[in-house]
Amino acid sequence: MRKRSAMASMSLLSSVLLLCAGCGSETQHVIGQGDLVGSWKASGGDSIRFLADREVRTNGFSDSDQESCGHGGVGYWSFYVAMDDRGESIRTSPEATEGDFVSVSLREGAEGECQVDLSVIDEGRSLCVADLDNVCATGERFTRQ
């Protein structure tokens, strides 16, 4: 997790998908909007609530290295979509109704937004925080409640 511009996010996420295509034991899974909307909770107590209008509410990401995102907040979510046939270029889309990679942008006031990227794993039953090197960058797993 880290603060970044929209262009940097697209480049970063393209790299994530390319680097993680064969790494780790976690496999990303496509999930529909209807299956994402609702409450998700981690064993440590962190929670995320995805709303159908694309709003998101979270109480934080305690198992993260980014303090500014760790306190949670209110923002919006969207799925990432491929911009080319090979999936090398991706971006967030407010119209996408399914995906295996979710962007969560939390409002931080004057400093801008804090963006957290989540991979959909365990055949759609879990979400985990993604970074450049791992489909799941931390041990924290959010499961549907």
N, C-alpha and C. Protein backbone atom coordinates (compact mmCIF):
# COMPACT_ATOMS: atom_id res chain seq x y z
N MET A 1 0.84 -1.16 0.00
CA MET A 1 0.00 0.00 0.00
C MET A 1 0.89 1.22 0.00
N ARG A 2 0.49 2.23 -0.74
CA ARG A 2 1.24 3.47 -0.74
C ARG A 2 0.43 4.52 -1.46
N LYS A 3 0.76 5.78 -1.21
CA LYS A 3 0.12 6.87 -1.93
C LYS A 3 0.73 6.93 -3.32
N ARG A 4 -0.11 7.18 -4.32
CA ARG A 4 0.43 7.30 -5.66
C ARG A 4 -0.62 7.88 -6.59
N SER A 5 -0.16 8.41 -7.69
CA SER A 5 -1.06 8.99 -8.68
C SER A 5 -1.72 7.88 -9.49
N ALA A 6 -2.72 8.24 -10.27
CA ALA A 6 -3.43 7.25 -11.09
C ALA A 6 -2.50 6.61 -12.11
N MET A 7 -1.63 7.41 -12.76
CA MET A 7 -0.71 6.85 -13.75
C MET A 7 0.28 5.90 -13.10
N ALA A 8 0.80 6.28 -11.94
CA ALA A 8 1.74 5.42 -11.24
C ALA A 8 1.05 4.13 -10.84
N SER A 9 -0.22 4.22 -10.46
CA SER A 9 -0.98 3.03 -10.07
C SER A 9 -1.11 2.06 -11.23
N MET A 10 -1.40 2.59 -12.43
CA MET A 10 -1.55 1.71 -13.59
C MET A 10 -0.23 1.00 -13.89
N SER A 11 0.87 1.73 -13.84
CA SER A 11 2.17 1.12 -14.11
C SER A 11 2.52 0.09 -13.06
N LEU A 12 2.29 0.45 -11.82
CA LEU A 12 2.57 -0.45 -10.71
C LEU A 12 1.76 -1.72 -10.83
N LEU A 13 0.48 -1.60 -11.12
CA LEU A 13 -0.37 -2.77 -11.17
C LEU A 13 -0.08 -3.64 -12.38
N SER A 14 0.32 -3.03 -13.47
CA SER A 14 0.74 -3.84 -14.62
C SER A 14 1.93 -4.68 -14.22
N SER A 15 2.85 -4.08 -13.47
CA SER A 15 4.03 -4.81 -12.99
C SER A 15 3.63 -5.91 -12.03
N VAL A 16 2.67 -5.63 -11.14
CA VAL A 16 2.22 -6.64 -10.19
C VAL A 16 1.70 -7.86 -10.92
N LEU A 17 0.85 -7.63 -11.91
CA LEU A 17 0.27 -8.76 -12.63
C LEU A 17 1.32 -9.55 -13.38
N LEU A 18 2.28 -8.87 -13.99
CA LEU A 18 3.33 -9.57 -14.71
C LEU A 18 4.25 -10.33 -13.77
N LEU A 19 4.67 -9.69 -12.69
CA LEU A 19 5.58 -10.32 -11.74
C LEU A 19 4.92 -11.48 -10.99
N CYS A 20 3.65 -11.34 -10.73
CA CYS A 20 2.98 -12.33 -9.89
C CYS A 20 2.27 -13.42 -10.67
N ALA A 21 2.42 -13.42 -11.96
CA ALA A 21 1.73 -14.42 -12.76
C ALA A 21 2.05 -15.83 -12.30
N GLY A 22 3.25 -16.07 -11.80
CA GLY A 22 3.59 -17.41 -11.37
C GLY A 22 4.17 -17.46 -9.98
N CYS A 23 4.04 -16.39 -9.19
CA CYS A 23 4.69 -16.38 -7.88
C CYS A 23 3.75 -16.79 -6.76
N GLY A 24 4.33 -17.35 -5.73
CA GLY A 24 3.57 -17.68 -4.53
C GLY A 24 2.56 -18.78 -4.76
N SER A 25 1.90 -19.16 -3.69
CA SER A 25 0.90 -20.21 -3.78
C SER A 25 -0.50 -19.65 -3.94
N GLU A 26 -0.65 -18.35 -3.84
CA GLU A 26 -1.96 -17.73 -3.97
C GLU A 26 -2.30 -17.56 -5.45
N THR A 27 -3.54 -17.85 -5.78
CA THR A 27 -4.02 -17.68 -7.15
C THR A 27 -5.20 -16.72 -7.13
N GLN A 28 -5.15 -15.72 -8.00
CA GLN A 28 -6.24 -14.78 -8.07
C GLN A 28 -7.45 -15.43 -8.73
N HIS A 29 -8.63 -14.95 -8.35
CA HIS A 29 -9.89 -15.52 -8.83
C HIS A 29 -10.86 -14.39 -9.16
N VAL A 30 -11.52 -14.46 -10.28
CA VAL A 30 -12.50 -13.44 -10.68
C VAL A 30 -13.74 -13.57 -9.81
N ILE A 31 -14.22 -12.42 -9.33
CA ILE A 31 -15.42 -12.36 -8.50
C ILE A 31 -16.34 -11.30 -9.10
N GLY A 32 -17.63 -11.51 -9.00
CA GLY A 32 -18.61 -10.53 -9.48
C GLY A 32 -18.91 -9.49 -8.41
N GLN A 33 -19.42 -8.35 -8.85
CA GLN A 33 -19.75 -7.27 -7.93
C GLN A 33 -20.71 -7.75 -6.84
N GLY A 34 -21.69 -8.55 -7.19
CA GLY A 34 -22.65 -9.04 -6.21
C GLY A 34 -22.01 -9.88 -5.11
N ASP A 35 -20.92 -10.57 -5.45
CA ASP A 35 -20.22 -11.37 -4.45
C ASP A 35 -19.23 -10.55 -3.63
N LEU A 36 -18.80 -9.40 -4.16
CA LEU A 36 -17.89 -8.53 -3.43
C LEU A 36 -18.63 -7.63 -2.45
N VAL A 37 -19.78 -7.12 -2.85
CA VAL A 37 -20.55 -6.19 -2.01
C VAL A 37 -20.93 -6.88 -0.71
N GLY A 38 -20.67 -6.20 0.39
CA GLY A 38 -20.97 -6.73 1.71
C GLY A 38 -19.80 -6.52 2.65
N SER A 39 -19.86 -7.18 3.79
CA SER A 39 -18.83 -7.02 4.82
C SER A 39 -17.81 -8.14 4.77
N TRP A 40 -16.54 -7.78 4.93
CA TRP A 40 -15.41 -8.69 4.96
C TRP A 40 -14.63 -8.40 6.23
N LYS A 41 -14.15 -9.43 6.89
CA LYS A 41 -13.44 -9.23 8.15
C LYS A 41 -12.20 -10.12 8.22
N ALA A 42 -11.14 -9.57 8.84
CA ALA A 42 -9.91 -10.33 9.08
C ALA A 42 -9.93 -10.86 10.50
N SER A 43 -9.14 -11.90 10.76
CA SER A 43 -9.13 -12.51 12.09
C SER A 43 -8.66 -11.54 13.17
N GLY A 44 -7.86 -10.53 12.81
CA GLY A 44 -7.38 -9.55 13.77
C GLY A 44 -8.37 -8.44 14.07
N GLY A 45 -9.53 -8.45 13.41
CA GLY A 45 -10.56 -7.46 13.67
C GLY A 45 -10.72 -6.39 12.62
N ASP A 46 -9.77 -6.26 11.69
CA ASP A 46 -9.94 -5.29 10.61
C ASP A 46 -11.13 -5.69 9.75
N SER A 47 -11.83 -4.69 9.22
CA SER A 47 -12.98 -4.99 8.38
C SER A 47 -13.09 -4.02 7.22
N ILE A 48 -13.74 -4.50 6.17
CA ILE A 48 -14.01 -3.71 4.97
C ILE A 48 -15.47 -3.94 4.61
N ARG A 49 -16.17 -2.87 4.27
CA ARG A 49 -17.55 -3.00 3.79
C ARG A 49 -17.63 -2.36 2.40
N PHE A 50 -17.92 -3.17 1.40
CA PHE A 50 -18.09 -2.72 0.02
C PHE A 50 -19.57 -2.49 -0.22
N LEU A 51 -19.92 -1.30 -0.69
CA LEU A 51 -21.32 -0.97 -0.97
C LEU A 51 -21.56 -1.00 -2.48
N ALA A 52 -22.81 -1.26 -2.89
CA ALA A 52 -23.15 -1.39 -4.30
C ALA A 52 -22.91 -0.10 -5.09
N ASP A 53 -22.96 1.06 -4.42
CA ASP A 53 -22.74 2.34 -5.10
C ASP A 53 -21.25 2.68 -5.24
N ARG A 54 -20.37 1.72 -4.96
CA ARG A 54 -18.92 1.82 -5.07
C ARG A 54 -18.26 2.52 -3.89
N GLU A 55 -19.03 2.82 -2.85
CA GLU A 55 -18.42 3.36 -1.64
C GLU A 55 -17.82 2.20 -0.86
N VAL A 56 -16.76 2.49 -0.11
CA VAL A 56 -16.12 1.49 0.74
C VAL A 56 -15.86 2.13 2.10
N ARG A 57 -15.99 1.33 3.14
CA ARG A 57 -15.70 1.77 4.51
C ARG A 57 -14.81 0.71 5.15
N THR A 58 -13.76 1.16 5.81
CA THR A 58 -12.86 0.23 6.47
C THR A 58 -12.38 0.82 7.79
N ASN A 59 -12.10 -0.06 8.74
CA ASN A 59 -11.55 0.41 10.02
C ASN A 59 -10.03 0.29 10.03
N GLY A 60 -9.46 -0.12 8.92
CA GLY A 60 -8.00 -0.12 8.82
C GLY A 60 -7.42 -1.39 8.26
N PHE A 61 -6.12 -1.32 8.07
CA PHE A 61 -5.32 -2.44 7.58
C PHE A 61 -4.13 -2.56 8.53
N SER A 62 -4.33 -3.17 9.69
CA SER A 62 -3.30 -3.20 10.72
C SER A 62 -2.08 -4.01 10.34
N ASP A 63 -2.24 -4.97 9.46
CA ASP A 63 -1.12 -5.81 9.02
C ASP A 63 -0.49 -5.22 7.76
N SER A 64 -0.24 -3.90 7.80
CA SER A 64 0.34 -3.24 6.63
C SER A 64 1.52 -2.40 7.07
N ASP A 65 2.33 -2.01 6.09
CA ASP A 65 3.48 -1.17 6.39
C ASP A 65 3.22 0.30 6.08
N GLN A 66 2.02 0.65 5.75
CA GLN A 66 1.68 2.03 5.39
C GLN A 66 0.75 2.61 6.45
N GLU A 67 1.30 3.42 7.34
CA GLU A 67 0.52 3.97 8.44
C GLU A 67 -0.67 4.81 7.97
N SER A 68 -0.50 5.57 6.90
CA SER A 68 -1.57 6.46 6.47
C SER A 68 -2.81 5.70 6.01
N CYS A 69 -2.65 4.47 5.55
CA CYS A 69 -3.79 3.64 5.16
C CYS A 69 -4.27 2.77 6.31
N GLY A 70 -3.44 2.59 7.29
CA GLY A 70 -3.73 1.67 8.38
C GLY A 70 -4.89 2.04 9.26
N HIS A 71 -5.26 3.33 9.27
CA HIS A 71 -6.34 3.77 10.15
C HIS A 71 -7.72 3.63 9.52
N GLY A 72 -7.76 3.30 8.26
CA GLY A 72 -9.04 3.11 7.59
C GLY A 72 -9.71 4.41 7.21
N GLY A 73 -10.98 4.31 6.87
CA GLY A 73 -11.74 5.49 6.48
C GLY A 73 -12.82 5.15 5.48
N VAL A 74 -13.26 6.17 4.76
CA VAL A 74 -14.31 6.04 3.76
C VAL A 74 -13.72 6.45 2.42
N GLY A 75 -14.15 5.78 1.38
CA GLY A 75 -13.67 6.09 0.05
C GLY A 75 -14.49 5.39 -1.00
N TYR A 76 -13.83 4.93 -2.04
CA TYR A 76 -14.53 4.24 -3.12
C TYR A 76 -13.70 3.05 -3.57
N TRP A 77 -14.35 2.11 -4.26
CA TRP A 77 -13.68 0.92 -4.76
C TRP A 77 -14.01 0.73 -6.24
N SER A 78 -13.15 -0.01 -6.93
CA SER A 78 -13.40 -0.39 -8.32
C SER A 78 -12.55 -1.60 -8.67
N PHE A 79 -12.99 -2.33 -9.67
CA PHE A 79 -12.20 -3.43 -10.20
C PHE A 79 -11.20 -2.88 -11.20
N TYR A 80 -10.08 -3.58 -11.35
CA TYR A 80 -9.13 -3.29 -12.42
C TYR A 80 -9.55 -4.08 -13.65
N VAL A 81 -9.33 -3.50 -14.83
CA VAL A 81 -9.63 -4.18 -16.09
C VAL A 81 -8.41 -4.10 -17.00
N ALA A 82 -8.27 -5.10 -17.87
CA ALA A 82 -7.17 -5.13 -18.84
C ALA A 82 -7.48 -4.17 -19.98
N MET A 83 -6.46 -3.46 -20.41
CA MET A 83 -6.61 -2.51 -21.51
C MET A 83 -6.15 -3.10 -22.84
N ASP A 84 -5.53 -4.28 -22.80
CA ASP A 84 -5.08 -4.94 -24.02
C ASP A 84 -5.33 -6.44 -23.90
N ASP A 85 -5.20 -7.14 -25.00
CA ASP A 85 -5.49 -8.57 -25.03
C ASP A 85 -4.57 -9.40 -24.14
N ARG A 86 -3.34 -8.93 -23.95
CA ARG A 86 -2.37 -9.69 -23.15
C ARG A 86 -2.45 -9.37 -21.68
N GLY A 87 -3.24 -8.36 -21.28
CA GLY A 87 -3.37 -8.00 -19.87
C GLY A 87 -2.15 -7.29 -19.31
N GLU A 88 -1.32 -6.72 -20.17
CA GLU A 88 -0.12 -6.04 -19.71
C GLU A 88 -0.39 -4.62 -19.26
N SER A 89 -1.49 -4.07 -19.67
CA SER A 89 -1.87 -2.72 -19.28
C SER A 89 -3.24 -2.79 -18.61
N ILE A 90 -3.33 -2.30 -17.40
CA ILE A 90 -4.60 -2.34 -16.68
C ILE A 90 -4.91 -0.96 -16.10
N ARG A 91 -6.19 -0.77 -15.76
CA ARG A 91 -6.63 0.45 -15.10
C ARG A 91 -7.90 0.14 -14.32
N THR A 92 -8.25 1.04 -13.41
CA THR A 92 -9.50 0.85 -12.69
C THR A 92 -10.65 1.28 -13.58
N SER A 93 -11.81 0.66 -13.36
CA SER A 93 -12.98 1.01 -14.15
C SER A 93 -14.21 1.07 -13.24
N PRO A 94 -14.87 2.23 -13.18
CA PRO A 94 -16.08 2.32 -12.38
C PRO A 94 -17.25 1.54 -12.97
N GLU A 95 -17.12 1.10 -14.21
CA GLU A 95 -18.18 0.32 -14.85
C GLU A 95 -17.97 -1.19 -14.76
N ALA A 96 -16.75 -1.63 -14.42
CA ALA A 96 -16.46 -3.07 -14.38
C ALA A 96 -17.31 -3.74 -13.30
N THR A 97 -17.90 -4.87 -13.64
CA THR A 97 -18.77 -5.58 -12.71
C THR A 97 -18.15 -6.86 -12.17
N GLU A 98 -16.90 -7.13 -12.58
CA GLU A 98 -16.19 -8.30 -12.06
C GLU A 98 -14.69 -8.09 -12.21
N GLY A 99 -13.93 -8.87 -11.44
CA GLY A 99 -12.49 -8.79 -11.53
C GLY A 99 -11.82 -9.62 -10.45
N ASP A 100 -10.48 -9.73 -10.55
CA ASP A 100 -9.72 -10.47 -9.55
C ASP A 100 -8.77 -9.56 -8.77
N PHE A 101 -8.85 -8.26 -9.05
CA PHE A 101 -7.99 -7.27 -8.44
C PHE A 101 -8.84 -6.04 -8.16
N VAL A 102 -8.87 -5.57 -6.91
CA VAL A 102 -9.75 -4.50 -6.48
C VAL A 102 -8.92 -3.32 -5.97
N SER A 103 -9.28 -2.13 -6.39
CA SER A 103 -8.65 -0.90 -5.90
C SER A 103 -9.56 -0.28 -4.84
N VAL A 104 -8.98 0.05 -3.69
CA VAL A 104 -9.68 0.76 -2.63
C VAL A 104 -8.97 2.08 -2.43
N SER A 105 -9.66 3.18 -2.64
CA SER A 105 -9.08 4.51 -2.46
C SER A 105 -9.79 5.19 -1.29
N LEU A 106 -9.02 5.49 -0.25
CA LEU A 106 -9.57 6.13 0.94
C LEU A 106 -9.25 7.62 0.91
N ARG A 107 -10.21 8.42 1.29
CA ARG A 107 -10.01 9.88 1.33
C ARG A 107 -9.16 10.23 2.54
N GLU A 108 -8.17 11.11 2.32
CA GLU A 108 -7.30 11.55 3.41
C GLU A 108 -7.27 13.06 3.58
N GLY A 109 -8.26 13.77 3.09
CA GLY A 109 -8.29 15.22 3.23
C GLY A 109 -7.31 15.91 2.29
N ALA A 110 -6.59 16.89 2.79
CA ALA A 110 -5.71 17.72 1.98
C ALA A 110 -4.55 16.95 1.36
N GLU A 111 -4.15 15.84 1.96
CA GLU A 111 -3.02 15.07 1.46
C GLU A 111 -3.37 14.21 0.25
N GLY A 112 -4.63 14.09 -0.07
CA GLY A 112 -5.02 13.27 -1.20
C GLY A 112 -5.65 11.97 -0.76
N GLU A 113 -5.42 10.92 -1.52
CA GLU A 113 -6.01 9.62 -1.25
C GLU A 113 -4.95 8.61 -0.88
N CYS A 114 -5.38 7.60 -0.20
CA CYS A 114 -4.53 6.46 0.11
C CYS A 114 -5.13 5.28 -0.65
N GLN A 115 -4.33 4.61 -1.46
CA GLN A 115 -4.84 3.51 -2.27
C GLN A 115 -4.31 2.18 -1.75
N VAL A 116 -5.21 1.22 -1.65
CA VAL A 116 -4.89 -0.14 -1.24
C VAL A 116 -5.38 -1.06 -2.35
N ASP A 117 -4.54 -1.97 -2.78
CA ASP A 117 -4.92 -2.93 -3.81
C ASP A 117 -5.13 -4.29 -3.16
N LEU A 118 -6.24 -4.92 -3.50
CA LEU A 118 -6.59 -6.21 -2.92
C LEU A 118 -6.71 -7.27 -4.01
N SER A 119 -6.13 -8.43 -3.76
CA SER A 119 -6.29 -9.58 -4.65
C SER A 119 -7.45 -10.42 -4.15
N VAL A 120 -8.25 -10.93 -5.07
CA VAL A 120 -9.32 -11.88 -4.74
C VAL A 120 -8.70 -13.27 -4.84
N ILE A 121 -8.73 -14.03 -3.75
CA ILE A 121 -8.10 -15.35 -3.71
C ILE A 121 -9.07 -16.39 -3.15
N ASP A 122 -8.58 -17.60 -2.95
CA ASP A 122 -9.36 -18.71 -2.38
C ASP A 122 -10.70 -18.89 -3.09
N GLU A 123 -10.64 -18.89 -4.42
CA GLU A 123 -11.84 -19.06 -5.25
C GLU A 123 -12.92 -18.04 -4.93
N GLY A 124 -12.47 -16.82 -4.56
CA GLY A 124 -13.40 -15.73 -4.29
C GLY A 124 -13.85 -15.61 -2.85
N ARG A 125 -13.32 -16.46 -1.98
CA ARG A 125 -13.74 -16.45 -0.58
C ARG A 125 -12.91 -15.52 0.30
N SER A 126 -11.75 -15.03 -0.19
CA SER A 126 -10.87 -14.19 0.61
C SER A 126 -10.30 -13.05 -0.21
N LEU A 127 -9.90 -11.99 0.50
CA LEU A 127 -9.20 -10.86 -0.09
C LEU A 127 -7.91 -10.66 0.69
N CYS A 128 -6.85 -10.25 0.00
CA CYS A 128 -5.59 -9.94 0.68
C CYS A 128 -4.96 -8.71 0.04
N VAL A 129 -4.12 -8.01 0.81
CA VAL A 129 -3.43 -6.81 0.32
C VAL A 129 -2.33 -7.25 -0.64
N ALA A 130 -2.27 -6.62 -1.81
CA ALA A 130 -1.28 -6.95 -2.85
C ALA A 130 -0.19 -5.90 -2.89
N ASP A 131 1.01 -6.31 -3.30
CA ASP A 131 2.10 -5.37 -3.57
C ASP A 131 2.86 -5.82 -4.81
N LEU A 132 3.96 -5.17 -5.10
CA LEU A 132 4.73 -5.47 -6.32
C LEU A 132 5.23 -6.90 -6.39
N ASP A 133 5.58 -7.48 -5.26
CA ASP A 133 6.23 -8.78 -5.26
C ASP A 133 5.31 -9.95 -4.98
N ASN A 134 4.12 -9.69 -4.47
CA ASN A 134 3.25 -10.78 -4.03
C ASN A 134 1.79 -10.53 -4.35
N VAL A 135 1.11 -11.58 -4.74
CA VAL A 135 -0.34 -11.50 -4.88
C VAL A 135 -0.91 -11.13 -3.52
N CYS A 136 -0.36 -11.70 -2.45
CA CYS A 136 -0.73 -11.36 -1.08
C CYS A 136 0.53 -10.93 -0.35
N ALA A 137 0.60 -9.64 0.00
CA ALA A 137 1.80 -9.08 0.60
C ALA A 137 1.88 -9.28 2.10
N THR A 138 0.76 -9.56 2.74
CA THR A 138 0.74 -9.75 4.19
C THR A 138 0.00 -11.04 4.51
N GLY A 139 0.03 -11.43 5.76
CA GLY A 139 -0.67 -12.64 6.17
C GLY A 139 -2.14 -12.42 6.44
N GLU A 140 -2.57 -11.16 6.46
CA GLU A 140 -3.96 -10.84 6.77
C GLU A 140 -4.87 -11.23 5.60
N ARG A 141 -5.95 -11.94 5.94
CA ARG A 141 -6.94 -12.36 4.95
C ARG A 141 -8.30 -11.87 5.40
N PHE A 142 -9.02 -11.23 4.50
CA PHE A 142 -10.38 -10.80 4.78
C PHE A 142 -11.33 -11.86 4.20
N THR A 143 -12.29 -12.29 4.99
CA THR A 143 -13.28 -13.26 4.51
C THR A 143 -14.67 -12.65 4.62
N ARG A 144 -15.53 -13.08 3.74
CA ARG A 144 -16.91 -12.56 3.70
C ARG A 144 -17.65 -12.91 4.97
N GLN A 145 -18.40 -11.95 5.49
CA GLN A 145 -19.18 -12.15 6.72
C GLN A 145 -20.63 -12.35 6.41
